[in-house]
N, C-alpha and C. Protein backbone atom coordinates (compact mmCIF):
# COMPACT_ATOMS: atom_id res chain seq x y z
N MET A 1 0.85 -1.17 0.00
CA MET A 1 0.00 0.00 0.00
C MET A 1 0.90 1.24 0.00
N THR A 2 0.59 2.19 -0.84
CA THR A 2 1.39 3.41 -0.94
C THR A 2 0.83 4.48 -0.03
N ALA A 3 1.70 5.07 0.77
CA ALA A 3 1.29 6.13 1.70
C ALA A 3 1.67 7.51 1.18
N ARG A 4 2.56 7.56 0.19
CA ARG A 4 3.04 8.84 -0.33
C ARG A 4 1.88 9.71 -0.81
N GLY A 5 1.90 10.97 -0.36
CA GLY A 5 0.89 11.93 -0.80
C GLY A 5 -0.38 11.92 0.01
N LEU A 6 -0.50 10.98 0.97
CA LEU A 6 -1.70 10.90 1.80
C LEU A 6 -1.45 11.53 3.16
N THR A 7 -2.48 12.12 3.72
CA THR A 7 -2.40 12.57 5.10
C THR A 7 -2.55 11.35 6.00
N ALA A 8 -2.27 11.52 7.29
CA ALA A 8 -2.41 10.41 8.24
C ALA A 8 -3.85 9.90 8.25
N THR A 9 -4.81 10.81 8.21
CA THR A 9 -6.23 10.42 8.21
C THR A 9 -6.59 9.67 6.94
N GLU A 10 -6.12 10.15 5.79
CA GLU A 10 -6.41 9.47 4.52
C GLU A 10 -5.81 8.07 4.50
N LEU A 11 -4.59 7.93 5.02
CA LEU A 11 -3.95 6.62 5.06
C LEU A 11 -4.72 5.68 5.98
N ALA A 12 -5.15 6.18 7.13
CA ALA A 12 -5.93 5.35 8.06
C ALA A 12 -7.21 4.85 7.39
N ARG A 13 -7.91 5.72 6.68
CA ARG A 13 -9.15 5.33 5.99
C ARG A 13 -8.86 4.31 4.89
N THR A 14 -7.75 4.44 4.21
CA THR A 14 -7.38 3.50 3.15
C THR A 14 -7.10 2.12 3.74
N VAL A 15 -6.37 2.08 4.84
CA VAL A 15 -6.07 0.80 5.50
C VAL A 15 -7.36 0.19 6.04
N GLU A 16 -8.22 0.99 6.65
CA GLU A 16 -9.50 0.49 7.15
C GLU A 16 -10.32 -0.14 6.02
N ALA A 17 -10.36 0.54 4.88
CA ALA A 17 -11.13 0.02 3.74
C ALA A 17 -10.56 -1.30 3.24
N ALA A 18 -9.23 -1.42 3.23
CA ALA A 18 -8.60 -2.66 2.77
C ALA A 18 -8.91 -3.81 3.72
N TYR A 19 -8.83 -3.57 5.03
CA TYR A 19 -9.16 -4.63 6.00
C TYR A 19 -10.64 -4.97 5.96
N ALA A 20 -11.48 -3.96 5.81
CA ALA A 20 -12.93 -4.19 5.80
C ALA A 20 -13.36 -5.01 4.58
N ALA A 21 -12.64 -4.88 3.49
CA ALA A 21 -13.01 -5.57 2.25
C ALA A 21 -12.88 -7.08 2.38
N GLU A 22 -11.90 -7.57 3.18
CA GLU A 22 -11.66 -9.00 3.20
C GLU A 22 -11.45 -9.63 4.57
N TYR A 23 -11.07 -8.84 5.56
CA TYR A 23 -10.63 -9.47 6.80
C TYR A 23 -11.48 -9.17 8.04
N LEU A 24 -11.81 -7.92 8.29
CA LEU A 24 -12.44 -7.52 9.54
C LEU A 24 -13.74 -6.77 9.31
N ARG A 25 -14.60 -6.82 10.31
CA ARG A 25 -15.79 -6.00 10.29
C ARG A 25 -15.52 -4.73 11.07
N ASP A 26 -15.80 -3.60 10.46
CA ASP A 26 -15.67 -2.29 11.09
C ASP A 26 -14.30 -2.06 11.74
N PRO A 27 -13.22 -2.20 10.98
CA PRO A 27 -11.89 -1.98 11.56
C PRO A 27 -11.65 -0.51 11.88
N ARG A 28 -10.83 -0.27 12.89
CA ARG A 28 -10.42 1.09 13.27
C ARG A 28 -8.90 1.14 13.23
N VAL A 29 -8.37 2.10 12.47
CA VAL A 29 -6.92 2.22 12.30
C VAL A 29 -6.50 3.63 12.69
N SER A 30 -5.40 3.70 13.42
CA SER A 30 -4.78 4.98 13.76
C SER A 30 -3.41 5.02 13.11
N VAL A 31 -3.06 6.16 12.57
CA VAL A 31 -1.75 6.33 11.94
C VAL A 31 -1.01 7.43 12.67
N LEU A 32 0.22 7.13 13.09
CA LEU A 32 1.08 8.10 13.75
C LEU A 32 2.25 8.39 12.81
N VAL A 33 2.44 9.64 12.47
CA VAL A 33 3.54 10.04 11.60
C VAL A 33 4.75 10.32 12.48
N LYS A 34 5.79 9.51 12.32
CA LYS A 34 7.00 9.69 13.12
C LYS A 34 7.86 10.82 12.59
N LYS A 35 7.92 10.93 11.27
CA LYS A 35 8.73 11.98 10.67
C LYS A 35 8.05 12.41 9.37
N ALA A 36 7.65 13.66 9.32
CA ALA A 36 7.00 14.17 8.12
C ALA A 36 8.05 14.66 7.13
N GLN A 37 7.80 14.39 5.88
CA GLN A 37 8.69 14.87 4.83
C GLN A 37 8.36 16.33 4.56
N THR A 38 9.39 17.16 4.50
CA THR A 38 9.19 18.56 4.20
C THR A 38 8.81 18.70 2.74
N ARG A 39 7.72 19.39 2.49
CA ARG A 39 7.26 19.60 1.12
C ARG A 39 7.73 20.98 0.69
N THR A 40 8.41 21.02 -0.46
CA THR A 40 9.01 22.27 -0.91
C THR A 40 8.75 22.50 -2.40
N ILE A 41 9.03 23.74 -2.81
CA ILE A 41 9.12 24.11 -4.22
C ILE A 41 10.44 24.84 -4.39
N ALA A 42 10.96 24.85 -5.60
CA ALA A 42 12.19 25.59 -5.89
C ALA A 42 11.87 26.67 -6.92
N VAL A 43 12.48 27.84 -6.74
CA VAL A 43 12.32 28.93 -7.69
C VAL A 43 13.73 29.35 -8.12
N GLU A 44 13.99 29.28 -9.43
CA GLU A 44 15.32 29.54 -9.98
C GLU A 44 15.24 30.54 -11.12
N GLY A 45 16.39 30.91 -11.61
CA GLY A 45 16.46 31.79 -12.78
C GLY A 45 16.45 33.25 -12.38
N GLU A 46 15.80 34.05 -13.20
CA GLU A 46 15.83 35.50 -13.05
C GLU A 46 14.82 36.00 -12.01
N VAL A 47 15.11 35.67 -10.75
CA VAL A 47 14.34 36.19 -9.62
C VAL A 47 15.33 36.80 -8.64
N GLU A 48 14.85 37.69 -7.80
CA GLU A 48 15.74 38.37 -6.85
C GLU A 48 16.33 37.43 -5.81
N LEU A 49 15.56 36.44 -5.36
CA LEU A 49 16.02 35.56 -4.28
C LEU A 49 15.70 34.09 -4.61
N PRO A 50 16.48 33.49 -5.55
CA PRO A 50 16.21 32.10 -5.88
C PRO A 50 16.45 31.22 -4.67
N GLY A 51 15.72 30.11 -4.62
CA GLY A 51 15.92 29.19 -3.51
C GLY A 51 14.83 28.16 -3.42
N VAL A 52 14.88 27.41 -2.33
CA VAL A 52 13.90 26.38 -2.03
C VAL A 52 13.01 26.91 -0.93
N TYR A 53 11.71 26.83 -1.14
CA TYR A 53 10.73 27.40 -0.21
C TYR A 53 9.75 26.33 0.24
N PRO A 54 9.24 26.45 1.48
CA PRO A 54 8.23 25.50 1.93
C PRO A 54 6.97 25.59 1.06
N PHE A 55 6.40 24.45 0.77
CA PHE A 55 5.17 24.42 -0.01
C PHE A 55 3.99 24.64 0.92
N ALA A 56 3.03 25.44 0.47
CA ALA A 56 1.78 25.65 1.20
C ALA A 56 0.63 25.38 0.25
N GLU A 57 -0.42 24.74 0.76
CA GLU A 57 -1.58 24.47 -0.07
C GLU A 57 -2.09 25.77 -0.68
N GLY A 58 -2.48 25.72 -1.94
CA GLY A 58 -3.00 26.90 -2.61
C GLY A 58 -1.94 27.75 -3.28
N GLN A 59 -0.67 27.37 -3.18
CA GLN A 59 0.38 28.15 -3.82
C GLN A 59 0.23 28.10 -5.33
N THR A 60 0.53 29.24 -5.95
CA THR A 60 0.45 29.36 -7.40
C THR A 60 1.77 29.88 -7.94
N LEU A 61 1.85 29.99 -9.25
CA LEU A 61 3.05 30.53 -9.88
C LEU A 61 3.33 31.94 -9.36
N LEU A 62 2.30 32.79 -9.31
CA LEU A 62 2.53 34.17 -8.85
C LEU A 62 2.95 34.24 -7.39
N THR A 63 2.41 33.36 -6.54
CA THR A 63 2.85 33.39 -5.14
C THR A 63 4.29 32.89 -5.02
N ALA A 64 4.69 31.95 -5.87
CA ALA A 64 6.08 31.49 -5.86
C ALA A 64 7.02 32.62 -6.28
N LEU A 65 6.62 33.39 -7.29
CA LEU A 65 7.44 34.54 -7.70
C LEU A 65 7.53 35.56 -6.58
N ALA A 66 6.45 35.76 -5.86
CA ALA A 66 6.47 36.70 -4.74
C ALA A 66 7.40 36.19 -3.63
N LEU A 67 7.39 34.90 -3.36
CA LEU A 67 8.31 34.34 -2.36
C LEU A 67 9.76 34.61 -2.73
N ALA A 68 10.06 34.54 -4.02
CA ALA A 68 11.42 34.75 -4.51
C ALA A 68 11.72 36.24 -4.73
N ARG A 69 10.92 37.09 -4.16
CA ARG A 69 11.08 38.55 -4.21
C ARG A 69 10.93 39.12 -5.62
N SER A 70 10.12 38.45 -6.43
CA SER A 70 9.75 38.91 -7.77
C SER A 70 10.85 38.71 -8.80
N PRO A 71 10.45 38.71 -10.07
CA PRO A 71 11.44 38.57 -11.15
C PRO A 71 12.36 39.79 -11.22
N THR A 72 13.56 39.58 -11.74
CA THR A 72 14.49 40.68 -11.95
C THR A 72 14.06 41.51 -13.16
N GLU A 73 14.72 42.62 -13.36
CA GLU A 73 14.43 43.46 -14.54
C GLU A 73 14.76 42.75 -15.84
N LYS A 74 15.67 41.78 -15.78
CA LYS A 74 16.10 41.06 -16.98
C LYS A 74 15.28 39.80 -17.25
N ALA A 75 14.27 39.56 -16.44
CA ALA A 75 13.47 38.34 -16.59
C ALA A 75 12.63 38.38 -17.85
N LYS A 76 12.48 37.23 -18.45
CA LYS A 76 11.61 37.08 -19.61
C LYS A 76 10.32 36.45 -19.08
N LEU A 77 9.34 37.28 -18.79
CA LEU A 77 8.14 36.85 -18.09
C LEU A 77 7.22 35.96 -18.90
N ASP A 78 7.41 35.91 -20.21
CA ASP A 78 6.59 35.00 -21.01
C ASP A 78 7.29 33.65 -21.22
N GLU A 79 8.41 33.46 -20.56
CA GLU A 79 9.14 32.19 -20.62
C GLU A 79 9.44 31.70 -19.21
N ILE A 80 8.40 31.32 -18.52
CA ILE A 80 8.56 30.74 -17.20
C ILE A 80 8.20 29.27 -17.32
N MET A 81 9.12 28.43 -16.89
CA MET A 81 8.92 26.98 -16.98
C MET A 81 8.63 26.43 -15.59
N ILE A 82 7.70 25.48 -15.55
CA ILE A 82 7.46 24.74 -14.32
C ILE A 82 7.73 23.27 -14.64
N PHE A 83 8.63 22.67 -13.85
CA PHE A 83 8.97 21.27 -14.00
C PHE A 83 8.34 20.50 -12.85
N ARG A 84 7.73 19.36 -13.16
CA ARG A 84 7.13 18.52 -12.11
C ARG A 84 7.12 17.07 -12.55
N MET A 85 7.02 16.20 -11.57
CA MET A 85 6.92 14.77 -11.82
C MET A 85 5.44 14.40 -11.94
N ILE A 86 5.10 13.74 -13.05
CA ILE A 86 3.73 13.27 -13.28
C ILE A 86 3.83 11.81 -13.69
N GLY A 87 3.27 10.94 -12.89
CA GLY A 87 3.31 9.52 -13.19
C GLY A 87 4.72 8.97 -13.31
N GLY A 88 5.64 9.48 -12.51
CA GLY A 88 7.02 9.01 -12.54
C GLY A 88 7.86 9.60 -13.65
N GLN A 89 7.29 10.50 -14.44
CA GLN A 89 8.02 11.12 -15.55
C GLN A 89 8.14 12.61 -15.32
N ARG A 90 9.33 13.17 -15.59
CA ARG A 90 9.55 14.61 -15.44
C ARG A 90 8.89 15.32 -16.62
N MET A 91 7.98 16.26 -16.29
CA MET A 91 7.25 17.00 -17.30
C MET A 91 7.53 18.49 -17.11
N ALA A 92 7.27 19.27 -18.16
CA ALA A 92 7.49 20.71 -18.11
C ALA A 92 6.32 21.43 -18.77
N GLY A 93 6.04 22.62 -18.27
CA GLY A 93 5.03 23.48 -18.86
C GLY A 93 5.56 24.89 -18.94
N ARG A 94 5.20 25.61 -20.00
CA ARG A 94 5.65 26.99 -20.18
C ARG A 94 4.49 27.92 -19.87
N PHE A 95 4.76 28.99 -19.11
CA PHE A 95 3.72 29.91 -18.67
C PHE A 95 4.16 31.35 -18.88
N ASP A 96 3.18 32.23 -18.98
CA ASP A 96 3.40 33.65 -19.24
C ASP A 96 2.84 34.44 -18.06
N ALA A 97 3.75 34.98 -17.23
CA ALA A 97 3.32 35.72 -16.04
C ALA A 97 2.56 36.99 -16.41
N LEU A 98 2.89 37.61 -17.53
CA LEU A 98 2.17 38.82 -17.95
C LEU A 98 0.73 38.48 -18.30
N ALA A 99 0.51 37.36 -18.97
CA ALA A 99 -0.85 36.93 -19.32
C ALA A 99 -1.63 36.56 -18.06
N ILE A 100 -0.95 35.95 -17.10
CA ILE A 100 -1.61 35.60 -15.84
C ILE A 100 -2.01 36.86 -15.10
N ARG A 101 -1.08 37.80 -14.99
CA ARG A 101 -1.38 39.07 -14.30
C ARG A 101 -2.48 39.84 -15.00
N GLY A 102 -2.56 39.72 -16.32
CA GLY A 102 -3.59 40.41 -17.09
C GLY A 102 -4.91 39.68 -17.17
N GLY A 103 -5.00 38.50 -16.55
CA GLY A 103 -6.24 37.74 -16.55
C GLY A 103 -6.50 36.96 -17.82
N ARG A 104 -5.50 36.87 -18.71
CA ARG A 104 -5.68 36.14 -19.96
C ARG A 104 -5.30 34.67 -19.84
N MET A 105 -4.71 34.30 -18.73
CA MET A 105 -4.30 32.92 -18.49
C MET A 105 -4.49 32.66 -17.00
N PRO A 106 -4.99 31.49 -16.62
CA PRO A 106 -5.16 31.23 -15.18
C PRO A 106 -3.81 31.06 -14.49
N ASP A 107 -3.77 31.46 -13.23
CA ASP A 107 -2.57 31.30 -12.42
C ASP A 107 -2.47 29.83 -12.04
N VAL A 108 -1.44 29.16 -12.49
CA VAL A 108 -1.31 27.71 -12.33
C VAL A 108 -1.01 27.36 -10.87
N ALA A 109 -1.71 26.35 -10.37
CA ALA A 109 -1.47 25.85 -9.01
C ALA A 109 -0.19 25.02 -9.00
N LEU A 110 0.62 25.23 -7.98
CA LEU A 110 1.85 24.46 -7.83
C LEU A 110 1.60 23.23 -6.96
N LEU A 111 2.49 22.26 -7.12
CA LEU A 111 2.46 21.03 -6.34
C LEU A 111 3.79 20.89 -5.61
N PRO A 112 3.80 20.16 -4.50
CA PRO A 112 5.08 19.94 -3.82
C PRO A 112 6.08 19.30 -4.78
N GLY A 113 7.32 19.78 -4.72
CA GLY A 113 8.36 19.25 -5.60
C GLY A 113 8.51 19.99 -6.91
N ASP A 114 7.61 20.92 -7.22
CA ASP A 114 7.71 21.69 -8.46
C ASP A 114 8.96 22.57 -8.45
N THR A 115 9.52 22.78 -9.64
CA THR A 115 10.62 23.72 -9.83
C THR A 115 10.18 24.76 -10.84
N VAL A 116 10.24 26.03 -10.44
CA VAL A 116 9.87 27.16 -11.30
C VAL A 116 11.17 27.80 -11.78
N VAL A 117 11.31 27.96 -13.10
CA VAL A 117 12.51 28.59 -13.67
C VAL A 117 12.07 29.78 -14.51
N VAL A 118 12.53 30.96 -14.11
CA VAL A 118 12.20 32.20 -14.82
C VAL A 118 13.30 32.47 -15.83
N GLY A 119 12.89 32.67 -17.10
CA GLY A 119 13.84 32.85 -18.19
C GLY A 119 14.55 34.19 -18.17
N PHE A 120 15.63 34.27 -18.96
CA PHE A 120 16.47 35.46 -19.08
C PHE A 120 16.22 36.10 -20.43
N SER A 121 15.95 37.41 -20.43
CA SER A 121 15.73 38.14 -21.66
C SER A 121 16.99 38.91 -22.03
N SER A 122 17.70 38.43 -23.04
CA SER A 122 18.94 39.10 -23.44
C SER A 122 18.65 40.47 -24.03
N SER A 123 17.52 40.65 -24.71
CA SER A 123 17.21 41.96 -25.29
C SER A 123 16.91 42.98 -24.18
N ARG A 124 16.18 42.56 -23.14
CA ARG A 124 15.92 43.47 -22.01
C ARG A 124 17.22 43.79 -21.29
N ALA A 125 18.11 42.78 -21.15
CA ALA A 125 19.38 43.00 -20.48
C ALA A 125 20.23 44.01 -21.25
N ALA A 126 20.25 43.87 -22.59
CA ALA A 126 21.04 44.80 -23.41
C ALA A 126 20.47 46.21 -23.31
N PHE A 127 19.15 46.33 -23.32
CA PHE A 127 18.51 47.63 -23.19
C PHE A 127 18.85 48.26 -21.84
N LEU A 128 18.74 47.49 -20.77
CA LEU A 128 19.04 48.02 -19.44
C LEU A 128 20.51 48.40 -19.31
N ASP A 129 21.39 47.61 -19.91
CA ASP A 129 22.82 47.96 -19.90
C ASP A 129 23.05 49.27 -20.63
N ALA A 130 22.36 49.47 -21.76
CA ALA A 130 22.50 50.72 -22.51
C ALA A 130 21.98 51.90 -21.71
N VAL A 131 20.85 51.73 -21.06
CA VAL A 131 20.28 52.81 -20.24
C VAL A 131 21.23 53.18 -19.11
N ARG A 132 21.81 52.19 -18.47
CA ARG A 132 22.74 52.45 -17.36
C ARG A 132 24.04 53.07 -17.84
N ALA A 133 24.45 52.77 -19.07
CA ALA A 133 25.70 53.31 -19.61
C ALA A 133 25.55 54.75 -20.09
N LEU A 134 24.33 55.23 -20.28
CA LEU A 134 24.08 56.58 -20.78
C LEU A 134 23.39 57.41 -19.70
N PRO A 135 24.16 57.94 -18.74
CA PRO A 135 23.54 58.64 -17.62
C PRO A 135 22.97 60.01 -17.98
N VAL A 136 23.45 60.64 -19.04
CA VAL A 136 22.99 61.97 -19.40
C VAL A 136 21.94 61.88 -20.49
N LEU A 137 20.80 62.53 -20.29
CA LEU A 137 19.74 62.53 -21.28
C LEU A 137 20.02 63.55 -22.38
N GLY A 138 19.59 63.24 -23.58
CA GLY A 138 19.69 64.19 -24.69
C GLY A 138 21.05 64.27 -25.33
N VAL A 139 21.97 63.42 -24.99
CA VAL A 139 23.32 63.46 -25.57
C VAL A 139 23.61 62.09 -26.15
N PHE A 140 24.08 62.07 -27.41
CA PHE A 140 24.48 60.81 -28.03
C PHE A 140 25.87 60.43 -27.57
N ARG A 141 26.04 59.17 -27.26
CA ARG A 141 27.33 58.64 -26.84
C ARG A 141 27.54 57.31 -27.57
N PRO A 142 28.78 56.92 -27.78
CA PRO A 142 29.02 55.61 -28.40
C PRO A 142 28.56 54.48 -27.49
N PHE A 143 28.09 53.45 -28.13
CA PHE A 143 27.64 52.30 -27.35
C PHE A 143 28.13 51.03 -28.01
């Protein structure tokens, strides 16, 4: 019997159902969790504070970005990848934070173990580098 992903109560009910099906009448099972596995998500790439964060029910892509102190100025917000395990296979999905913020795409719910990777925009980086290199307005300078 697999216990992964079940709460103690859910596991107890599953064991009760298995015993009730073939062995006992009205079984009562108690489950004691000796050590709980920490459930986390990881946020990487162009965010201010990449890292591993505790997972909380109801977390979404936007809340994960907020945990990581938001995307950097160089982030490519239409190229955010979420990697997760589905049926024992590593899967990926591409999401657009601007579309989510604008209500054109639903904010995707995260699962424990998900990894969020925010892409890098080389064109935005080049533009920001140019802006920082030209401190005086109205004057042409070599770039």
